[in-house]
């Protein structure tokens, strides 16, 4: 049975019907790690969790600073690509996209020292 939510406040986004998501197939990196060993799968899962936190922090940083510092704008497409790669699980290194975004932030900081540190 689907879960439904209703709120009459006009300025709040509400879900009218939410159903549980079916299990998705394993990501290629996860499947490969499990094929190697359970311990490897655990390490990959820990790395992916850490990478997700870093991506969230970078997203928060860009959201808070890009409007005041337009030099950060080139990091936005790289951030989108990093999240897409992470979600797809096709990149063997879960930190690859985050490194690219961070490098663009550092590059922008060299041209504008007023940009806060990431």
N, C-alpha and C. Protein backbone atom coordinates (compact mmCIF):
# COMPACT_ATOMS: atom_id res chain seq x y z
N UNK A 1 0.84 -1.18 0.00
CA UNK A 1 0.00 0.00 0.00
C UNK A 1 0.89 1.24 0.00
N UNK A 2 0.67 2.17 -0.91
CA UNK A 2 1.49 3.37 -0.97
C UNK A 2 1.23 4.28 0.23
N UNK A 3 2.26 5.02 0.58
CA UNK A 3 2.17 6.01 1.65
C UNK A 3 1.78 7.33 1.00
N UNK A 4 0.83 8.02 1.59
CA UNK A 4 0.43 9.31 1.04
C UNK A 4 0.57 10.38 2.10
N UNK A 5 0.96 11.57 1.66
CA UNK A 5 1.10 12.73 2.53
C UNK A 5 0.29 13.86 1.95
N UNK A 6 -0.31 14.65 2.80
CA UNK A 6 -1.08 15.79 2.34
C UNK A 6 -0.86 16.93 3.31
N UNK A 7 -0.53 18.09 2.78
CA UNK A 7 -0.37 19.28 3.60
C UNK A 7 -1.01 20.42 2.83
N UNK A 8 -1.78 21.23 3.49
CA UNK A 8 -2.51 22.30 2.81
C UNK A 8 -1.73 23.61 2.73
N UNK A 9 -0.51 23.64 3.21
CA UNK A 9 0.29 24.85 3.15
C UNK A 9 0.81 25.04 1.73
N UNK A 10 0.58 26.20 1.16
CA UNK A 10 0.91 26.44 -0.25
C UNK A 10 2.42 26.51 -0.51
N UNK A 11 3.22 26.90 0.47
CA UNK A 11 4.65 27.07 0.22
C UNK A 11 5.49 25.85 0.59
N UNK A 12 4.86 24.72 0.78
CA UNK A 12 5.57 23.50 1.14
C UNK A 12 5.38 22.46 0.05
N UNK A 13 6.47 21.86 -0.36
CA UNK A 13 6.40 20.78 -1.34
C UNK A 13 5.95 19.53 -0.61
N UNK A 14 4.99 18.82 -1.16
CA UNK A 14 4.51 17.61 -0.48
C UNK A 14 4.47 16.45 -1.46
N UNK A 15 4.67 15.29 -0.91
CA UNK A 15 4.59 14.07 -1.72
C UNK A 15 3.16 13.56 -1.65
N UNK A 16 2.52 13.40 -2.78
CA UNK A 16 1.16 12.91 -2.80
C UNK A 16 1.12 11.39 -2.68
N UNK A 17 2.10 10.75 -3.22
CA UNK A 17 2.14 9.29 -3.15
C UNK A 17 3.59 8.83 -3.23
N UNK A 18 4.00 8.12 -2.23
CA UNK A 18 5.37 7.62 -2.20
C UNK A 18 5.30 6.10 -2.07
N UNK A 19 5.94 5.42 -2.99
CA UNK A 19 5.97 3.97 -2.92
C UNK A 19 7.41 3.52 -2.74
N UNK A 20 7.62 2.41 -2.06
CA UNK A 20 8.99 1.94 -1.88
C UNK A 20 9.66 1.67 -3.23
N UNK A 21 10.93 2.00 -3.30
CA UNK A 21 11.70 1.80 -4.52
C UNK A 21 12.16 0.35 -4.59
N UNK A 22 12.02 -0.25 -5.74
CA UNK A 22 12.47 -1.63 -5.92
C UNK A 22 13.99 -1.68 -5.83
N UNK A 23 14.50 -2.81 -5.44
CA UNK A 23 15.94 -2.97 -5.33
C UNK A 23 16.58 -2.78 -6.70
N UNK A 24 17.63 -1.99 -6.72
CA UNK A 24 18.32 -1.74 -7.98
C UNK A 24 19.46 -2.75 -8.13
N UNK A 25 19.88 -2.99 -9.35
CA UNK A 25 20.99 -3.92 -9.56
C UNK A 25 22.26 -3.35 -8.94
N UNK A 26 23.20 -4.19 -8.54
CA UNK A 26 24.43 -3.68 -7.94
C UNK A 26 25.23 -2.86 -8.93
N UNK A 27 25.92 -1.84 -8.41
CA UNK A 27 26.79 -1.03 -9.25
C UNK A 27 27.95 -1.89 -9.71
N UNK A 28 28.53 -1.61 -10.88
CA UNK A 28 29.63 -2.42 -11.38
C UNK A 28 30.80 -2.55 -10.40
N UNK A 29 31.15 -1.44 -9.75
CA UNK A 29 32.27 -1.47 -8.80
C UNK A 29 31.94 -2.37 -7.62
N UNK A 30 30.70 -2.30 -7.13
CA UNK A 30 30.29 -3.13 -5.99
C UNK A 30 30.30 -4.61 -6.36
N UNK A 31 29.82 -4.91 -7.55
CA UNK A 31 29.80 -6.31 -8.00
C UNK A 31 31.22 -6.85 -8.13
N UNK A 32 32.13 -6.05 -8.66
CA UNK A 32 33.52 -6.47 -8.79
C UNK A 32 34.16 -6.68 -7.42
N UNK A 33 33.90 -5.78 -6.50
CA UNK A 33 34.47 -5.90 -5.15
C UNK A 33 33.97 -7.17 -4.46
N UNK A 34 32.68 -7.47 -4.60
CA UNK A 34 32.13 -8.70 -3.99
C UNK A 34 32.74 -9.94 -4.63
N UNK A 35 33.05 -9.85 -5.92
CA UNK A 35 33.66 -10.99 -6.61
C UNK A 35 35.07 -11.25 -6.08
N UNK A 36 35.76 -10.20 -5.65
CA UNK A 36 37.11 -10.36 -5.13
C UNK A 36 37.06 -10.97 -3.74
N UNK A 37 36.33 -10.34 -2.82
CA UNK A 37 36.18 -10.88 -1.48
C UNK A 37 35.19 -10.03 -0.69
N UNK A 38 34.58 -10.59 0.36
CA UNK A 38 33.69 -9.79 1.20
C UNK A 38 34.42 -8.62 1.86
N UNK A 39 35.69 -8.83 2.24
CA UNK A 39 36.46 -7.75 2.87
C UNK A 39 36.66 -6.60 1.89
N UNK A 40 36.93 -6.92 0.64
CA UNK A 40 37.09 -5.88 -0.38
C UNK A 40 35.79 -5.12 -0.56
N UNK A 41 34.68 -5.82 -0.55
CA UNK A 41 33.37 -5.17 -0.69
C UNK A 41 33.13 -4.21 0.47
N UNK A 42 33.55 -4.60 1.68
CA UNK A 42 33.39 -3.71 2.83
C UNK A 42 34.23 -2.44 2.67
N UNK A 43 35.46 -2.60 2.20
CA UNK A 43 36.34 -1.44 2.00
C UNK A 43 35.77 -0.51 0.94
N UNK A 44 35.28 -1.08 -0.14
CA UNK A 44 34.69 -0.27 -1.21
C UNK A 44 33.47 0.49 -0.67
N UNK A 45 32.65 -0.18 0.12
CA UNK A 45 31.47 0.47 0.70
C UNK A 45 31.88 1.62 1.62
N UNK A 46 32.92 1.43 2.43
CA UNK A 46 33.40 2.49 3.31
C UNK A 46 33.94 3.67 2.50
N UNK A 47 34.68 3.38 1.44
CA UNK A 47 35.21 4.45 0.59
C UNK A 47 34.08 5.22 -0.08
N UNK A 48 33.07 4.51 -0.54
CA UNK A 48 31.93 5.18 -1.19
C UNK A 48 31.18 6.05 -0.19
N UNK A 49 31.05 5.60 1.05
CA UNK A 49 30.39 6.40 2.07
C UNK A 49 31.18 7.67 2.34
N UNK A 50 32.49 7.55 2.45
CA UNK A 50 33.35 8.71 2.67
C UNK A 50 33.28 9.66 1.47
N UNK A 51 33.32 9.12 0.27
CA UNK A 51 33.23 9.95 -0.94
C UNK A 51 31.89 10.68 -1.01
N UNK A 52 30.82 10.02 -0.60
CA UNK A 52 29.49 10.66 -0.60
C UNK A 52 29.49 11.87 0.35
N UNK A 53 30.11 11.72 1.51
CA UNK A 53 30.19 12.83 2.45
C UNK A 53 30.98 13.99 1.88
N UNK A 54 32.08 13.68 1.21
CA UNK A 54 32.90 14.73 0.60
C UNK A 54 32.11 15.45 -0.50
N UNK A 55 31.39 14.69 -1.32
CA UNK A 55 30.58 15.31 -2.37
C UNK A 55 29.49 16.19 -1.77
N UNK A 56 28.86 15.73 -0.69
CA UNK A 56 27.84 16.56 -0.02
C UNK A 56 28.46 17.86 0.49
N UNK A 57 29.66 17.76 1.09
CA UNK A 57 30.32 18.96 1.60
C UNK A 57 30.69 19.93 0.47
N UNK A 58 31.20 19.39 -0.63
CA UNK A 58 31.54 20.23 -1.77
C UNK A 58 30.30 20.90 -2.36
N UNK A 59 29.20 20.15 -2.43
CA UNK A 59 27.95 20.72 -2.93
C UNK A 59 27.50 21.87 -2.02
N UNK A 60 27.56 21.65 -0.71
CA UNK A 60 27.18 22.70 0.24
C UNK A 60 28.07 23.92 0.10
N UNK A 61 29.38 23.70 -0.06
CA UNK A 61 30.32 24.79 -0.24
C UNK A 61 29.98 25.59 -1.49
N UNK A 62 29.77 24.89 -2.62
CA UNK A 62 29.46 25.60 -3.86
C UNK A 62 28.12 26.33 -3.76
N UNK A 63 27.14 25.69 -3.16
CA UNK A 63 25.82 26.33 -3.01
C UNK A 63 25.93 27.62 -2.20
N UNK A 64 26.76 27.60 -1.18
CA UNK A 64 26.89 28.76 -0.30
C UNK A 64 27.75 29.87 -0.91
N UNK A 65 28.65 29.53 -1.83
CA UNK A 65 29.63 30.51 -2.27
C UNK A 65 29.60 30.92 -3.74
N UNK A 66 28.95 30.15 -4.60
CA UNK A 66 29.04 30.44 -6.03
C UNK A 66 28.36 31.76 -6.41
N UNK A 67 27.32 32.13 -5.72
CA UNK A 67 26.63 33.38 -6.06
C UNK A 67 27.52 34.60 -5.77
N UNK A 68 28.23 34.57 -4.66
CA UNK A 68 29.10 35.69 -4.30
C UNK A 68 30.44 35.66 -5.03
N UNK A 69 30.81 34.48 -5.54
CA UNK A 69 32.11 34.31 -6.20
C UNK A 69 31.91 33.59 -7.54
N UNK A 70 31.59 34.32 -8.59
CA UNK A 70 31.33 33.70 -9.90
C UNK A 70 32.50 32.88 -10.46
N UNK A 71 33.70 33.10 -9.96
CA UNK A 71 34.84 32.32 -10.43
C UNK A 71 34.69 30.84 -10.10
N UNK A 72 33.78 30.51 -9.18
CA UNK A 72 33.52 29.11 -8.82
C UNK A 72 32.58 28.42 -9.80
N UNK A 73 31.97 29.17 -10.70
CA UNK A 73 30.97 28.61 -11.62
C UNK A 73 31.47 27.41 -12.43
N UNK A 74 32.74 27.37 -12.90
CA UNK A 74 33.18 26.19 -13.64
C UNK A 74 33.15 24.88 -12.83
N UNK A 75 33.09 24.99 -11.52
CA UNK A 75 33.03 23.78 -10.69
C UNK A 75 31.63 23.16 -10.69
N UNK A 76 30.62 23.90 -11.10
CA UNK A 76 29.24 23.38 -11.07
C UNK A 76 29.07 22.20 -12.04
N UNK A 77 29.46 22.32 -13.32
CA UNK A 77 29.33 21.15 -14.20
C UNK A 77 30.17 19.96 -13.73
N UNK A 78 31.35 20.26 -13.19
CA UNK A 78 32.20 19.18 -12.66
C UNK A 78 31.53 18.49 -11.48
N UNK A 79 30.83 19.27 -10.67
CA UNK A 79 30.10 18.71 -9.52
C UNK A 79 28.98 17.78 -10.02
N UNK A 80 28.25 18.23 -11.02
CA UNK A 80 27.18 17.40 -11.59
C UNK A 80 27.74 16.09 -12.14
N UNK A 81 28.87 16.19 -12.84
CA UNK A 81 29.51 15.00 -13.40
C UNK A 81 29.99 14.07 -12.28
N UNK A 82 30.56 14.64 -11.23
CA UNK A 82 31.06 13.83 -10.11
C UNK A 82 29.92 13.06 -9.44
N UNK A 83 28.79 13.72 -9.26
CA UNK A 83 27.64 13.06 -8.64
C UNK A 83 27.10 11.96 -9.56
N UNK A 84 27.04 12.25 -10.85
CA UNK A 84 26.57 11.23 -11.81
C UNK A 84 27.48 10.01 -11.81
N UNK A 85 28.79 10.24 -11.80
CA UNK A 85 29.74 9.12 -11.75
C UNK A 85 29.58 8.32 -10.47
N UNK A 86 29.42 9.03 -9.37
CA UNK A 86 29.26 8.37 -8.08
C UNK A 86 28.00 7.49 -8.08
N UNK A 87 26.90 8.08 -8.55
CA UNK A 87 25.64 7.34 -8.58
C UNK A 87 25.70 6.13 -9.50
N UNK A 88 26.40 6.26 -10.61
CA UNK A 88 26.51 5.15 -11.56
C UNK A 88 27.40 4.05 -11.03
N UNK A 89 28.37 4.41 -10.21
CA UNK A 89 29.28 3.41 -9.65
C UNK A 89 30.21 2.80 -10.68
N UNK A 90 30.47 3.52 -11.75
CA UNK A 90 31.32 2.98 -12.81
C UNK A 90 32.79 3.36 -12.63
N UNK A 91 33.06 4.36 -11.84
CA UNK A 91 34.44 4.81 -11.62
C UNK A 91 35.05 3.97 -10.49
N UNK A 92 36.22 3.41 -10.75
CA UNK A 92 36.87 2.56 -9.74
C UNK A 92 37.27 3.36 -8.51
N UNK A 93 37.61 4.62 -8.70
CA UNK A 93 38.01 5.50 -7.59
C UNK A 93 36.82 6.40 -7.24
N UNK A 94 36.18 6.18 -6.10
CA UNK A 94 35.00 6.98 -5.78
C UNK A 94 35.33 8.45 -5.49
N UNK A 95 36.61 8.77 -5.31
CA UNK A 95 37.02 10.14 -5.01
C UNK A 95 37.41 10.92 -6.26
N UNK A 96 37.40 10.28 -7.41
CA UNK A 96 37.84 10.89 -8.66
C UNK A 96 37.12 12.21 -8.94
N UNK A 97 35.82 12.20 -8.91
CA UNK A 97 35.04 13.40 -9.20
C UNK A 97 35.25 14.49 -8.17
N UNK A 98 35.33 14.11 -6.90
CA UNK A 98 35.54 15.09 -5.83
C UNK A 98 36.90 15.78 -6.00
N UNK A 99 37.91 15.03 -6.40
CA UNK A 99 39.23 15.62 -6.63
C UNK A 99 39.17 16.66 -7.74
N UNK A 100 38.44 16.33 -8.80
CA UNK A 100 38.31 17.25 -9.93
C UNK A 100 37.61 18.55 -9.50
N UNK A 101 36.53 18.41 -8.73
CA UNK A 101 35.80 19.59 -8.25
C UNK A 101 36.70 20.43 -7.35
N UNK A 102 37.40 19.77 -6.43
CA UNK A 102 38.28 20.48 -5.51
C UNK A 102 39.39 21.21 -6.27
N UNK A 103 39.93 20.58 -7.30
CA UNK A 103 40.98 21.23 -8.11
C UNK A 103 40.44 22.49 -8.78
N UNK A 104 39.22 22.45 -9.27
CA UNK A 104 38.62 23.64 -9.89
C UNK A 104 38.39 24.74 -8.85
N UNK A 105 38.01 24.34 -7.64
CA UNK A 105 37.83 25.33 -6.57
C UNK A 105 39.17 25.99 -6.25
N UNK A 106 40.21 25.19 -6.14
CA UNK A 106 41.53 25.72 -5.84
C UNK A 106 42.01 26.64 -6.95
N UNK A 107 41.72 26.27 -8.18
CA UNK A 107 42.09 27.11 -9.33
C UNK A 107 41.38 28.46 -9.25
N UNK A 108 40.11 28.44 -8.89
CA UNK A 108 39.34 29.68 -8.75
C UNK A 108 39.90 30.52 -7.60
N UNK A 109 40.32 29.88 -6.53
CA UNK A 109 40.87 30.60 -5.38
C UNK A 109 42.19 31.30 -5.73
N UNK A 110 42.93 30.74 -6.68
CA UNK A 110 44.18 31.39 -7.10
C UNK A 110 43.89 32.70 -7.83
N UNK A 111 42.77 32.75 -8.56
CA UNK A 111 42.43 33.99 -9.27
C UNK A 111 41.70 34.98 -8.39
N UNK A 112 41.03 34.50 -7.35
CA UNK A 112 40.27 35.37 -6.45
C UNK A 112 40.53 34.95 -5.00
N UNK A 113 41.49 35.57 -4.33
CA UNK A 113 41.83 35.18 -2.96
C UNK A 113 40.69 35.39 -1.95
N UNK A 114 39.66 36.15 -2.33
CA UNK A 114 38.54 36.37 -1.43
C UNK A 114 37.62 35.15 -1.30
N UNK A 115 37.79 34.18 -2.19
CA UNK A 115 36.98 32.96 -2.12
C UNK A 115 37.38 32.18 -0.88
N UNK A 116 36.41 31.79 -0.04
CA UNK A 116 36.75 31.05 1.16
C UNK A 116 37.32 29.67 0.84
N UNK A 117 38.10 29.17 1.77
CA UNK A 117 38.72 27.86 1.60
C UNK A 117 37.64 26.77 1.64
N UNK A 118 37.83 25.77 0.80
CA UNK A 118 36.87 24.65 0.75
C UNK A 118 37.17 23.65 1.83
